[in-house]
Structures are given as structure tokens and as C-alpha cells.
């Protein structure tokens, strides 16, 4: 009977766990829908901004603006966007692996999210700044990050700035990315540019054939470029946060659903084992009673 008590306790414990994971799944599903809608809604504006930047960029050389200047140094600053909470599958682990493979060992970091900040600190990586970002993502907080990044680059502290984040594709697919934010290179440079990958970027070849892409810039293309480039930095950092947050909530919802399904499956197995032991105990008792009755005859 002691085994039956142990199994009952295990069944109760697993049921309690399933209730918790089910509640977390529902919360994550609600947050996931909002985060996905925010990320998808931001892509349309990002696409038009990138198209305008692409058309302006082709008319200028590296010397036209510091954000376009290709530097030959190796000093790199990386903005890492991870999660504040766990229980979201392997999203942070996969991003850390991508950072380890694509980012130089002497790179310095700006972190968003507690999970990878602690991991990077333990690994001895240099973190020069850490920013908290609320949920849902406010543009004002990401703009402060973009301004800090732009200042570091313009003051020549770094030769390259990258963003490490998890790009959202759908509820079941999220991929870690490390893309170049600064300097803004031409498409032929071979860099994984932020404007090509964050949120899917835009189709350059289709844009080239667009009959409505013949723009006139006022007061001048140079002044428009000087205005658009900081806006581009601000919005790409913002969109990367939206993609990362949508990925986080999607991964957490899927992980909690998987945990709930596994708990239900485990409960069925434990219940079957409990019934078998109980049936065996009843059979043993019946045999004892039958044996005792025959002995008394």
C-alpha cells in the first residue's frame, strides 16, 4: 500500500505542475498575440523607410556621412537582446551559440535582458551598458539605446556595431541572428546588414523595378540623408526588440504547451500504474480470504 500512496502523491504533484504550466501557456498565448501583432505592424513602416534609405544611399559615398564610413579597425560593439525570464525553450541558448560563432572574442556588449547578461558576465565578456526594456516594447526606451549606440560609433570608440537578437518568423520558428547595424554598407559589401534581415527586410530586386521609385528630395538629398539615417538607427533597434519579444512569447507558449502535454501524458501513465498495483493488491487480498476460508473448512 505504501507504493500506492507514493503514486497518488506523484499524480497529485504532476497535476499541480500541469495546472501551473497550463496557466503560463494561456498567459504566454495572450502576450504572444500582442507581441506578434506589434512586430508585424512595424514591418510595413520599416520596409518603406528602408526603401527610401536604399534610394538615397546609392547616391552617396562613404564620406557623405559617418554612419556610411567603412572603418578598417576590429573594435566591435554588439547589442544583445535576450529575455528577462526563462521557461521559453532554447531561445537564449541558441542566441548564445550564434554569438559565440559570429562575434569576436574581444567584442564589447550592450545587453537587454537578464538571461544572457549574466551568462556573458560569467564568460568574462566586457559589458559597457545594460538597458531594461518593458513589455510591450516602448519606442522611447529603445530610442535611448539607439542614441547610445550612435554616440559610441560617432565618437570613434568602435569600428562596427552589430545586433544579436532572435528574428521572428512564425509561432514555431524563431532564428537567432547577428547582423551589422553600423556602418551601413551597400548590398554588394557582403555584410549581413540589419536592413536586409530584421523583420525580413525588403526585396531589393523588386524595388528596383518599381515605376514609382523616382524620388525628388527637398531641400536636398544630403539633408534628407542626414535626417533619415538617425531615424533608421532608431527604428531598426526598435524593430529588433519587437522581433525578439515576439519570438520570446512564441517560444514560451510552445514550451509551456509541450510541458502541459507531457504532464498529462505522465498522469495517464501513473494512473495506469496505480490501477495495476491496486488491482494486484485486491487480488492478493481475495486470495488471502479464499485461502483462510478453505483452511477453516
C-alpha atoms as a PDB file:
ATOM      1  CA  UNK A   1       0.000   0.000   0.000  1.00  0.00           C
ATOM      2  CA  UNK A   2       2.979   2.279   0.536  1.00  0.00           C
ATOM      3  CA  UNK A   3       3.634   2.191  -3.215  1.00  0.00           C
ATOM      4  CA  UNK A   4       0.047   3.224  -3.895  1.00  0.00           C
ATOM      5  CA  UNK A   5       0.434   6.209  -1.589  1.00  0.00           C
ATOM      6  CA  UNK A   6       3.634   7.229  -3.369  1.00  0.00           C
ATOM      7  CA  UNK A   7       1.949   7.039  -6.770  1.00  0.00           C
ATOM      8  CA  UNK A   8      -1.041   9.067  -5.544  1.00  0.00           C
ATOM      9  CA  UNK A   9       1.340  11.745  -4.303  1.00  0.00           C
ATOM     10  CA  UNK A  10       3.168  11.780  -7.620  1.00  0.00           C
ATOM     11  CA  UNK A  11      -0.103  12.066  -9.548  1.00  0.00           C
ATOM     12  CA  UNK A  12      -1.185  14.991  -7.363  1.00  0.00           C
ATOM     13  CA  UNK A  13       2.203  16.678  -7.784  1.00  0.00           C
ATOM     14  CA  UNK A  14       2.155  16.300 -11.577  1.00  0.00           C
ATOM     15  CA  UNK A  15      -1.433  17.597 -11.741  1.00  0.00           C
ATOM     16  CA  UNK A  16      -0.396  20.695  -9.808  1.00  0.00           C
ATOM     17  CA  UNK A  17       2.516  21.203 -12.203  1.00  0.00           C
ATOM     18  CA  UNK A  18       0.197  20.787 -15.200  1.00  0.00           C
ATOM     19  CA  UNK A  19      -2.130  23.451 -13.802  1.00  0.00           C
ATOM     20  CA  UNK A  20       0.792  25.865 -13.466  1.00  0.00           C
ATOM     21  CA  UNK A  21       2.156  25.205 -16.963  1.00  0.00           C
ATOM     22  CA  UNK A  22      -1.351  25.473 -18.415  1.00  0.00           C
ATOM     23  CA  UNK A  23      -1.838  28.871 -16.778  1.00  0.00           C
ATOM     24  CA  UNK A  24       1.570  30.017 -18.030  1.00  0.00           C
ATOM     25  CA  UNK A  25       0.660  28.783 -21.512  1.00  0.00           C
ATOM     26  CA  UNK A  26      -2.517  30.886 -21.547  1.00  0.00           C
ATOM     27  CA  UNK A  27      -0.690  33.979 -20.299  1.00  0.00           C
ATOM     28  CA  UNK A  28       2.084  33.493 -22.871  1.00  0.00           C
ATOM     29  CA  UNK A  29      -0.518  32.999 -25.636  1.00  0.00           C
ATOM     30  CA  UNK A  30      -2.172  36.331 -24.798  1.00  0.00           C
ATOM     31  CA  UNK A  31       1.165  38.153 -24.701  1.00  0.00           C
ATOM     32  CA  UNK A  32       2.298  36.329 -27.840  1.00  0.00           C
ATOM     33  CA  UNK A  33      -0.654  37.612 -29.881  1.00  0.00           C
ATOM     34  CA  UNK A  34       0.033  41.220 -28.851  1.00  0.00           C
ATOM     35  CA  UNK A  35       3.784  40.893 -29.460  1.00  0.00           C
ATOM     36  CA  UNK A  36       3.308  39.273 -32.861  1.00  0.00           C
ATOM     37  CA  UNK A  37       0.815  41.942 -33.934  1.00  0.00           C
ATOM     38  CA  UNK A  38       3.223  44.682 -32.840  1.00  0.00           C
ATOM     39  CA  UNK A  39       6.152  43.108 -34.691  1.00  0.00           C
ATOM     40  CA  UNK A  40       4.173  42.528 -37.889  1.00  0.00           C
ATOM     41  CA  UNK A  41       2.655  46.023 -37.785  1.00  0.00           C
ATOM     42  CA  UNK A  42       6.111  47.592 -37.539  1.00  0.00           C
ATOM     43  CA  UNK A  43       7.402  45.839 -40.638  1.00  0.00           C
ATOM     44  CA  UNK A  44       5.383  47.928 -43.098  1.00  0.00           C
ATOM     45  CA  UNK A  45       6.861  51.202 -41.827  1.00  0.00           C
ATOM     46  CA  UNK A  46      10.301  49.619 -41.663  1.00  0.00           C
ATOM     47  CA  UNK A  47      10.006  48.435 -45.276  1.00  0.00           C
ATOM     48  CA  UNK A  48       9.150  51.904 -46.633  1.00  0.00           C
ATOM     49  CA  UNK A  49      11.876  53.506 -44.543  1.00  0.00           C
ATOM     50  CA  UNK A  50      14.422  51.034 -45.879  1.00  0.00           C
ATOM     51  CA  UNK A  51      13.299  51.591 -49.462  1.00  0.00           C
ATOM     52  CA  UNK A  52      13.778  55.341 -49.091  1.00  0.00           C
ATOM     53  CA  UNK A  53      17.154  54.813 -47.437  1.00  0.00           C
ATOM     54  CA  UNK A  54      18.234  52.452 -50.207  1.00  0.00           C
ATOM     55  CA  UNK A  55      17.395  55.021 -52.903  1.00  0.00           C
ATOM     56  CA  UNK A  56      19.159  57.813 -51.018  1.00  0.00           C
ATOM     57  CA  UNK A  57      22.165  55.645 -50.126  1.00  0.00           C
ATOM     58  CA  UNK A  58      23.047  54.771 -53.715  1.00  0.00           C
ATOM     59  CA  UNK A  59      23.768  58.436 -54.487  1.00  0.00           C
ATOM     60  CA  UNK A  60      26.393  58.876 -51.782  1.00  0.00           C
ATOM     61  CA  UNK A  61      29.851  57.623 -50.919  1.00  0.00           C
ATOM     62  CA  UNK A  62      31.294  56.580 -47.568  1.00  0.00           C
ATOM     63  CA  UNK A  63      32.492  60.119 -46.926  1.00  0.00           C
ATOM     64  CA  UNK A  64      28.961  61.551 -47.131  1.00  0.00           C
ATOM     65  CA  UNK A  65      28.047  60.644 -43.552  1.00  0.00           C
ATOM     66  CA  UNK A  66      29.899  58.982 -40.617  1.00  0.00           C
ATOM     67  CA  UNK A  67      27.268  56.204 -40.493  1.00  0.00           C
ATOM     68  CA  UNK A  68      28.320  55.177 -44.026  1.00  0.00           C
ATOM     69  CA  UNK A  69      32.046  55.213 -43.312  1.00  0.00           C
ATOM     70  CA  UNK A  70      33.706  51.826 -43.581  1.00  0.00           C
ATOM     71  CA  UNK A  71      36.431  51.513 -40.966  1.00  0.00           C
ATOM     72  CA  UNK A  72      39.294  49.058 -41.094  1.00  0.00           C
ATOM     73  CA  UNK A  73      39.593  48.502 -37.339  1.00  0.00           C
ATOM     74  CA  UNK A  74      38.295  45.463 -35.464  1.00  0.00           C
ATOM     75  CA  UNK A  75      36.650  47.117 -32.463  1.00  0.00           C
ATOM     76  CA  UNK A  76      33.104  45.808 -32.374  1.00  0.00           C
ATOM     77  CA  UNK A  77      30.122  46.689 -30.208  1.00  0.00           C
ATOM     78  CA  UNK A  78      27.255  44.200 -30.030  1.00  0.00           C
ATOM     79  CA  UNK A  79      23.739  44.876 -28.809  1.00  0.00           C
ATOM     80  CA  UNK A  80      22.439  41.598 -27.337  1.00  0.00           C
ATOM     81  CA  UNK A  81      18.659  41.292 -26.937  1.00  0.00           C
ATOM     82  CA  UNK A  82      17.731  38.351 -24.702  1.00  0.00           C
ATOM     83  CA  UNK A  83      14.899  37.636 -22.249  1.00  0.00           C
ATOM     84  CA  UNK A  84      14.369  38.657 -18.640  1.00  0.00           C
ATOM     85  CA  UNK A  85      12.613  35.385 -17.767  1.00  0.00           C
ATOM     86  CA  UNK A  86      13.229  31.747 -18.541  1.00  0.00           C
ATOM     87  CA  UNK A  87      10.879  28.880 -19.430  1.00  0.00           C
ATOM     88  CA  UNK A  88      10.990  29.824 -23.109  1.00  0.00           C
ATOM     89  CA  UNK A  89      12.753  26.839 -24.596  1.00  0.00           C
ATOM     90  CA  UNK A  90      16.215  27.117 -26.136  1.00  0.00           C
ATOM     91  CA  UNK A  91      15.807  30.657 -27.467  1.00  0.00           C
ATOM     92  CA  UNK A  92      18.565  32.147 -25.275  1.00  0.00           C
ATOM     93  CA  UNK A  93      20.852  29.144 -25.685  1.00  0.00           C
ATOM     94  CA  UNK A  94      20.596  29.305 -29.478  1.00  0.00           C
ATOM     95  CA  UNK A  95      21.309  33.037 -29.455  1.00  0.00           C
ATOM     96  CA  UNK A  96      24.350  32.492 -27.238  1.00  0.00           C
ATOM     97  CA  UNK A  97      25.679  29.876 -29.649  1.00  0.00           C
ATOM     98  CA  UNK A  98      25.260  32.282 -32.562  1.00  0.00           C
ATOM     99  CA  UNK A  99      27.122  34.986 -30.629  1.00  0.00           C
ATOM    100  CA  UNK A 100      29.937  32.563 -29.841  1.00  0.00           C
ATOM    101  CA  UNK A 101      30.313  31.649 -33.523  1.00  0.00           C
ATOM    102  CA  UNK A 102      29.808  35.073 -35.166  1.00  0.00           C
ATOM    103  CA  UNK A 103      31.154  37.614 -32.658  1.00  0.00           C
ATOM    104  CA  UNK A 104      34.896  38.166 -31.994  1.00  0.00           C
ATOM    105  CA  UNK A 105      36.215  37.293 -28.562  1.00  0.00           C
ATOM    106  CA  UNK A 106      37.327  40.885 -27.901  1.00  0.00           C
ATOM    107  CA  UNK A 107      33.960  42.451 -28.738  1.00  0.00           C
ATOM    108  CA  UNK A 108      32.157  44.589 -26.164  1.00  0.00           C
ATOM    109  CA  UNK A 109      28.470  44.336 -25.386  1.00  0.00           C
ATOM    110  CA  UNK A 110      25.312  46.266 -24.618  1.00  0.00           C
ATOM    111  CA  UNK A 111      22.742  43.947 -23.066  1.00  0.00           C
ATOM    112  CA  UNK A 112      18.969  43.928 -22.878  1.00  0.00           C
ATOM    113  CA  UNK A 113      17.569  41.094 -20.769  1.00  0.00           C
ATOM    114  CA  UNK A 114      18.930  39.427 -17.648  1.00  0.00           C
ATOM    115  CA  UNK A 115      19.442  35.930 -19.025  1.00  0.00           C
ATOM    116  CA  UNK A 116      22.380  36.496 -21.380  1.00  0.00           C
ATOM    117  CA  UNK A 117      23.746  39.409 -19.379  1.00  0.00           C
ATOM    118  CA  UNK A 118      24.610  37.035 -16.532  1.00  0.00           C
ATOM    119  CA  UNK A 119      25.983  34.442 -18.929  1.00  0.00           C
ATOM    120  CA  UNK A 120      28.212  36.964 -20.700  1.00  0.00           C
ATOM    121  CA  UNK A 121      29.476  38.304 -17.374  1.00  0.00           C
ATOM    122  CA  UNK A 122      30.400  34.795 -16.230  1.00  0.00           C
ATOM    123  CA  UNK A 123      32.196  34.231 -19.552  1.00  0.00           C
ATOM    124  CA  UNK A 124      34.366  37.317 -18.897  1.00  0.00           C
ATOM    125  CA  UNK A 125      32.895  39.404 -21.748  1.00  0.00           C
ATOM    126  CA  UNK A 126      33.005  43.181 -21.281  1.00  0.00           C
ATOM    127  CA  UNK A 127      29.573  44.786 -20.891  1.00  0.00           C
ATOM    128  CA  UNK A 128      29.642  48.581 -21.176  1.00  0.00           C
ATOM    129  CA  UNK A 129      25.904  49.185 -20.678  1.00  0.00           C
ATOM    130  CA  UNK A 130      22.699  47.407 -19.740  1.00  0.00           C
ATOM    131  CA  UNK A 131      19.191  48.677 -20.550  1.00  0.00           C
ATOM    132  CA  UNK A 132      15.840  47.480 -19.194  1.00  0.00           C
ATOM    133  CA  UNK A 133      13.009  47.368 -21.740  1.00  0.00           C
ATOM    134  CA  UNK A 134       9.379  46.953 -20.705  1.00  0.00           C
ATOM    135  CA  UNK A 135       6.773  44.680 -22.225  1.00  0.00           C
ATOM    136  CA  UNK A 136       5.167  45.665 -24.587  1.00  0.00           C
ATOM    137  CA  UNK A 137       8.193  47.374 -26.083  1.00  0.00           C
ATOM    138  CA  UNK A 138       8.056  51.205 -25.841  1.00  0.00           C
ATOM    139  CA  UNK A 139       9.784  53.137 -28.618  1.00  0.00           C
ATOM    140  CA  UNK A 140      11.153  55.723 -26.150  1.00  0.00           C
ATOM    141  CA  UNK A 141      13.249  53.111 -24.326  1.00  0.00           C
ATOM    142  CA  UNK A 142      14.713  51.601 -27.493  1.00  0.00           C
ATOM    143  CA  UNK A 143      15.440  55.101 -28.837  1.00  0.00           C
ATOM    144  CA  UNK A 144      17.658  55.711 -25.805  1.00  0.00           C
ATOM    145  CA  UNK A 145      19.594  52.551 -26.709  1.00  0.00           C
ATOM    146  CA  UNK A 146      19.918  53.667 -30.345  1.00  0.00           C
ATOM    147  CA  UNK A 147      21.199  57.077 -29.294  1.00  0.00           C
ATOM    148  CA  UNK A 148      23.806  55.486 -27.043  1.00  0.00           C
ATOM    149  CA  UNK A 149      24.938  53.231 -29.898  1.00  0.00           C
ATOM    150  CA  UNK A 150      25.120  56.126 -32.363  1.00  0.00           C
ATOM    151  CA  UNK A 151      27.125  58.204 -29.896  1.00  0.00           C
ATOM    152  CA  UNK A 152      29.643  55.406 -29.346  1.00  0.00           C
ATOM    153  CA  UNK A 153      30.098  54.986 -33.100  1.00  0.00           C
ATOM    154  CA  UNK A 154      30.302  58.703 -33.915  1.00  0.00           C
ATOM    155  CA  UNK A 155      32.880  59.254 -31.168  1.00  0.00           C
ATOM    156  CA  UNK A 156      35.013  56.574 -32.826  1.00  0.00           C
ATOM    157  CA  UNK A 157      35.001  54.200 -29.864  1.00  0.00           C
ATOM    158  CA  UNK A 158      34.079  51.335 -32.184  1.00  0.00           C
ATOM    159  CA  UNK A 159      34.537  50.440 -35.836  1.00  0.00           C
ATOM    160  CA  UNK A 160      31.452  48.270 -36.151  1.00  0.00           C
ATOM    161  CA  UNK A 161      28.122  47.856 -34.372  1.00  0.00           C
ATOM    162  CA  UNK A 162      26.042  44.677 -34.584  1.00  0.00           C
ATOM    163  CA  UNK A 163      22.734  43.462 -33.185  1.00  0.00           C
ATOM    164  CA  UNK A 164      22.314  39.919 -31.803  1.00  0.00           C
ATOM    165  CA  UNK A 165      18.639  39.033 -31.497  1.00  0.00           C
ATOM    166  CA  UNK A 166      16.096  36.339 -32.333  1.00  0.00           C
ATOM    167  CA  UNK A 167      14.180  37.024 -35.531  1.00  0.00           C
ATOM    168  CA  UNK A 168      10.503  36.079 -35.569  1.00  0.00           C
ATOM    169  CA  UNK A 169       9.105  34.066 -38.488  1.00  0.00           C
ATOM    170  CA  UNK A 170       6.069  32.313 -37.008  1.00  0.00           C
ATOM    171  CA  UNK A 171       4.906  30.737 -33.759  1.00  0.00           C
ATOM    172  CA  UNK A 172       7.024  27.625 -34.296  1.00  0.00           C
ATOM    173  CA  UNK A 173      10.053  29.205 -35.956  1.00  0.00           C
ATOM    174  CA  UNK A 174      12.426  31.753 -34.449  1.00  0.00           C
ATOM    175  CA  UNK A 175      16.035  32.085 -35.583  1.00  0.00           C
ATOM    176  CA  UNK A 176      18.988  33.789 -33.844  1.00  0.00           C
ATOM    177  CA  UNK A 177      20.703  36.459 -35.941  1.00  0.00           C
ATOM    178  CA  UNK A 178      23.809  38.636 -35.689  1.00  0.00           C
ATOM    179  CA  UNK A 179      23.522  41.495 -38.197  1.00  0.00           C
ATOM    180  CA  UNK A 180      25.541  44.634 -38.896  1.00  0.00           C
ATOM    181  CA  UNK A 181      23.836  47.872 -37.894  1.00  0.00           C
ATOM    182  CA  UNK A 182      26.743  50.288 -38.470  1.00  0.00           C
ATOM    183  CA  UNK A 183      28.348  51.184 -40.769  1.00  0.00           C
ATOM    184  CA  UNK A 184      25.572  50.979 -43.366  1.00  0.00           C
ATOM    185  CA  UNK A 185      27.160  49.198 -46.299  1.00  0.00           C
ATOM    186  CA  UNK A 186      25.960  48.721 -49.827  1.00  0.00           C
ATOM    187  CA  UNK A 187      24.274  45.441 -50.698  1.00  0.00           C
ATOM    188  CA  UNK A 188      27.367  44.262 -52.548  1.00  0.00           C
ATOM    189  CA  UNK A 189      29.576  44.596 -49.469  1.00  0.00           C
ATOM    190  CA  UNK A 190      28.728  41.080 -48.315  1.00  0.00           C
ATOM    191  CA  UNK A 191      27.727  42.155 -44.801  1.00  0.00           C
ATOM    192  CA  UNK A 192      24.622  40.760 -43.144  1.00  0.00           C
ATOM    193  CA  UNK A 193      23.009  44.158 -42.922  1.00  0.00           C
ATOM    194  CA  UNK A 194      20.249  44.907 -40.443  1.00  0.00           C
ATOM    195  CA  UNK A 195      18.056  46.427 -43.161  1.00  0.00           C
ATOM    196  CA  UNK A 196      18.104  43.140 -45.072  1.00  0.00           C
ATOM    197  CA  UNK A 197      17.312  40.775 -42.200  1.00  0.00           C
ATOM    198  CA  UNK A 198      15.410  42.405 -39.332  1.00  0.00           C
ATOM    199  CA  UNK A 199      11.780  41.510 -39.860  1.00  0.00           C
ATOM    200  CA  UNK A 200      12.573  40.064 -43.282  1.00  0.00           C
ATOM    201  CA  UNK A 201      13.926  43.285 -44.825  1.00  0.00           C
ATOM    202  CA  UNK A 202      12.643  44.062 -48.301  1.00  0.00           C
ATOM    203  CA  UNK A 203      13.073  42.716 -51.818  1.00  0.00           C
ATOM    204  CA  UNK A 204      15.725  44.907 -53.455  1.00  0.00           C
ATOM    205  CA  UNK A 205      15.257  43.453 -56.936  1.00  0.00           C
ATOM    206  CA  UNK A 206      11.502  44.080 -56.895  1.00  0.00           C
ATOM    207  CA  UNK A 207      12.132  47.575 -55.580  1.00  0.00           C
ATOM    208  CA  UNK A 208      14.497  48.337 -58.462  1.00  0.00           C
ATOM    209  CA  UNK A 209      11.702  47.589 -60.936  1.00  0.00           C
ATOM    210  CA  UNK A 210       9.122  49.730 -59.133  1.00  0.00           C
ATOM    211  CA  UNK A 211       7.994  52.519 -61.542  1.00  0.00           C
ATOM    212  CA  UNK A 212       7.122  54.808 -58.613  1.00  0.00           C
ATOM    213  CA  UNK A 213      10.595  54.870 -57.078  1.00  0.00           C
ATOM    214  CA  UNK A 214      11.809  58.016 -58.892  1.00  0.00           C
ATOM    215  CA  UNK A 215      12.038  60.451 -55.962  1.00  0.00           C
ATOM    216  CA  UNK A 216      12.877  64.135 -55.757  1.00  0.00           C
ATOM    217  CA  UNK A 217      14.437  65.211 -52.465  1.00  0.00           C
ATOM    218  CA  UNK A 218      13.872  68.602 -50.869  1.00  0.00           C
ATOM    219  CA  UNK A 219      15.640  70.669 -49.684  1.00  0.00           C
ATOM    220  CA  UNK A 220      18.436  68.317 -50.841  1.00  0.00           C
ATOM    221  CA  UNK A 221      19.259  64.622 -50.845  1.00  0.00           C
ATOM    222  CA  UNK A 222      22.166  65.247 -48.453  1.00  0.00           C
ATOM    223  CA  UNK A 223      19.914  66.877 -45.858  1.00  0.00           C
ATOM    224  CA  UNK A 224      17.329  64.132 -46.237  1.00  0.00           C
ATOM    225  CA  UNK A 225      20.077  61.559 -45.743  1.00  0.00           C
ATOM    226  CA  UNK A 226      21.263  63.282 -42.560  1.00  0.00           C
ATOM    227  CA  UNK A 227      17.689  63.113 -41.228  1.00  0.00           C
ATOM    228  CA  UNK A 228      16.842  59.573 -42.336  1.00  0.00           C
ATOM    229  CA  UNK A 229      19.981  57.858 -41.048  1.00  0.00           C
ATOM    230  CA  UNK A 230      19.387  58.544 -37.313  1.00  0.00           C
ATOM    231  CA  UNK A 231      15.734  57.571 -37.831  1.00  0.00           C
ATOM    232  CA  UNK A 232      16.909  54.351 -39.465  1.00  0.00           C
ATOM    233  CA  UNK A 233      19.130  53.514 -36.474  1.00  0.00           C
ATOM    234  CA  UNK A 234      16.304  54.241 -34.037  1.00  0.00           C
ATOM    235  CA  UNK A 235      13.769  52.160 -35.893  1.00  0.00           C
ATOM    236  CA  UNK A 236      15.997  49.184 -36.625  1.00  0.00           C
ATOM    237  CA  UNK A 237      16.858  48.877 -32.927  1.00  0.00           C
ATOM    238  CA  UNK A 238      13.151  49.168 -32.111  1.00  0.00           C
ATOM    239  CA  UNK A 239      12.129  46.573 -34.710  1.00  0.00           C
ATOM    240  CA  UNK A 240      14.821  44.157 -33.481  1.00  0.00           C
ATOM    241  CA  UNK A 241      13.303  44.410 -29.994  1.00  0.00           C
ATOM    242  CA  UNK A 242       9.828  43.734 -31.408  1.00  0.00           C
ATOM    243  CA  UNK A 243      11.066  40.667 -33.257  1.00  0.00           C
ATOM    244  CA  UNK A 244      12.887  39.390 -30.152  1.00  0.00           C
ATOM    245  CA  UNK A 245       9.845  39.913 -27.919  1.00  0.00           C
ATOM    246  CA  UNK A 246       7.504  38.157 -30.359  1.00  0.00           C
ATOM    247  CA  UNK A 247       9.991  35.287 -30.530  1.00  0.00           C
ATOM    248  CA  UNK A 248      10.208  35.100 -26.730  1.00  0.00           C
ATOM    249  CA  UNK A 249       6.470  34.858 -26.116  1.00  0.00           C
ATOM    250  CA  UNK A 250       6.003  32.415 -29.003  1.00  0.00           C
ATOM    251  CA  UNK A 251       8.767  30.158 -27.696  1.00  0.00           C
ATOM    252  CA  UNK A 252       7.390  30.339 -24.138  1.00  0.00           C
ATOM    253  CA  UNK A 253       3.868  29.463 -25.261  1.00  0.00           C
ATOM    254  CA  UNK A 254       5.139  26.463 -27.227  1.00  0.00           C
ATOM    255  CA  UNK A 255       7.368  25.344 -24.333  1.00  0.00           C
ATOM    256  CA  UNK A 256       4.531  25.584 -21.795  1.00  0.00           C
ATOM    257  CA  UNK A 257       2.133  23.738 -24.105  1.00  0.00           C
ATOM    258  CA  UNK A 258       4.702  20.982 -24.515  1.00  0.00           C
ATOM    259  CA  UNK A 259       5.193  20.826 -20.732  1.00  0.00           C
ATOM    260  CA  UNK A 260       1.424  20.629 -20.172  1.00  0.00           C
ATOM    261  CA  UNK A 261       1.025  17.860 -22.760  1.00  0.00           C
ATOM    262  CA  UNK A 262       3.909  15.898 -21.232  1.00  0.00           C
ATOM    263  CA  UNK A 263       2.400  16.281 -17.754  1.00  0.00           C
ATOM    264  CA  UNK A 264      -0.959  14.956 -18.965  1.00  0.00           C
ATOM    265  CA  UNK A 265       0.774  12.014 -20.606  1.00  0.00           C
ATOM    266  CA  UNK A 266       2.716  11.303 -17.420  1.00  0.00           C
ATOM    267  CA  UNK A 267      -0.509  11.441 -15.363  1.00  0.00           C
ATOM    268  CA  UNK A 268      -2.078   8.812 -17.625  1.00  0.00           C
ATOM    269  CA  UNK A 269       0.949   6.543 -17.209  1.00  0.00           C
ATOM    270  CA  UNK A 270       0.953   6.977 -13.432  1.00  0.00           C
ATOM    271  CA  UNK A 271      -2.809   6.366 -13.259  1.00  0.00           C
ATOM    272  CA  UNK A 272      -2.411   3.152 -15.248  1.00  0.00           C
ATOM    273  CA  UNK A 273       0.385   2.014 -12.946  1.00  0.00           C
ATOM    274  CA  UNK A 274      -1.713   2.924  -9.896  1.00  0.00           C
ATOM    275  CA  UNK A 275      -4.675   0.899 -11.175  1.00  0.00           C
ATOM    276  CA  UNK A 276      -2.469  -2.108 -11.883  1.00  0.00           C
ATOM    277  CA  UNK A 277      -0.983  -2.036  -8.380  1.00  0.00           C
ATOM    278  CA  UNK A 278      -4.425  -1.532  -6.839  1.00  0.00           C
ATOM    279  CA  UNK A 279      -5.841  -4.442  -8.834  1.00  0.00           C
ATOM    280  CA  UNK A 280      -2.894  -6.568  -7.775  1.00  0.00           C
ATOM    281  CA  UNK A 281      -3.451  -5.640  -4.125  1.00  0.00           C
ATOM    282  CA  UNK A 282      -7.157  -6.504  -4.347  1.00  0.00           C
ATOM    283  CA  UNK A 283      -6.368  -9.828  -5.986  1.00  0.00           C
ATOM    284  CA  UNK A 284      -3.886 -10.636  -3.224  1.00  0.00           C
ATOM    285  CA  UNK A 285      -6.462  -9.826  -0.553  1.00  0.00           C
ATOM    286  CA  UNK A 286      -9.056 -12.029  -2.247  1.00  0.00           C
ATOM    287  CA  UNK A 287      -6.584 -14.885  -2.406  1.00  0.00           C
ATOM    288  CA  UNK A 288      -5.819 -14.496   1.290  1.00  0.00           C
ATOM    289  CA  UNK A 289      -9.524 -14.519   2.163  1.00  0.00           C
ATOM    290  CA  UNK A 290     -10.158 -17.563  -0.024  1.00  0.00           C
ATOM    291  CA  UNK A 291      -7.187 -19.419   1.483  1.00  0.00           C
ATOM    292  CA  UNK A 292      -8.351 -18.614   5.022  1.00  0.00           C
ATOM    293  CA  UNK A 293     -11.910 -19.843   4.260  1.00  0.00           C
ATOM    294  CA  UNK A 294     -10.598 -23.144   2.897  1.00  0.00           C
ATOM    295  CA  UNK A 295      -8.383 -23.559   5.954  1.00  0.00           C
ATOM    296  CA  UNK A 296     -11.409 -23.162   8.247  1.00  0.00           C
ATOM    297  CA  UNK A 297     -13.460 -25.842   6.472  1.00  0.00           C
END
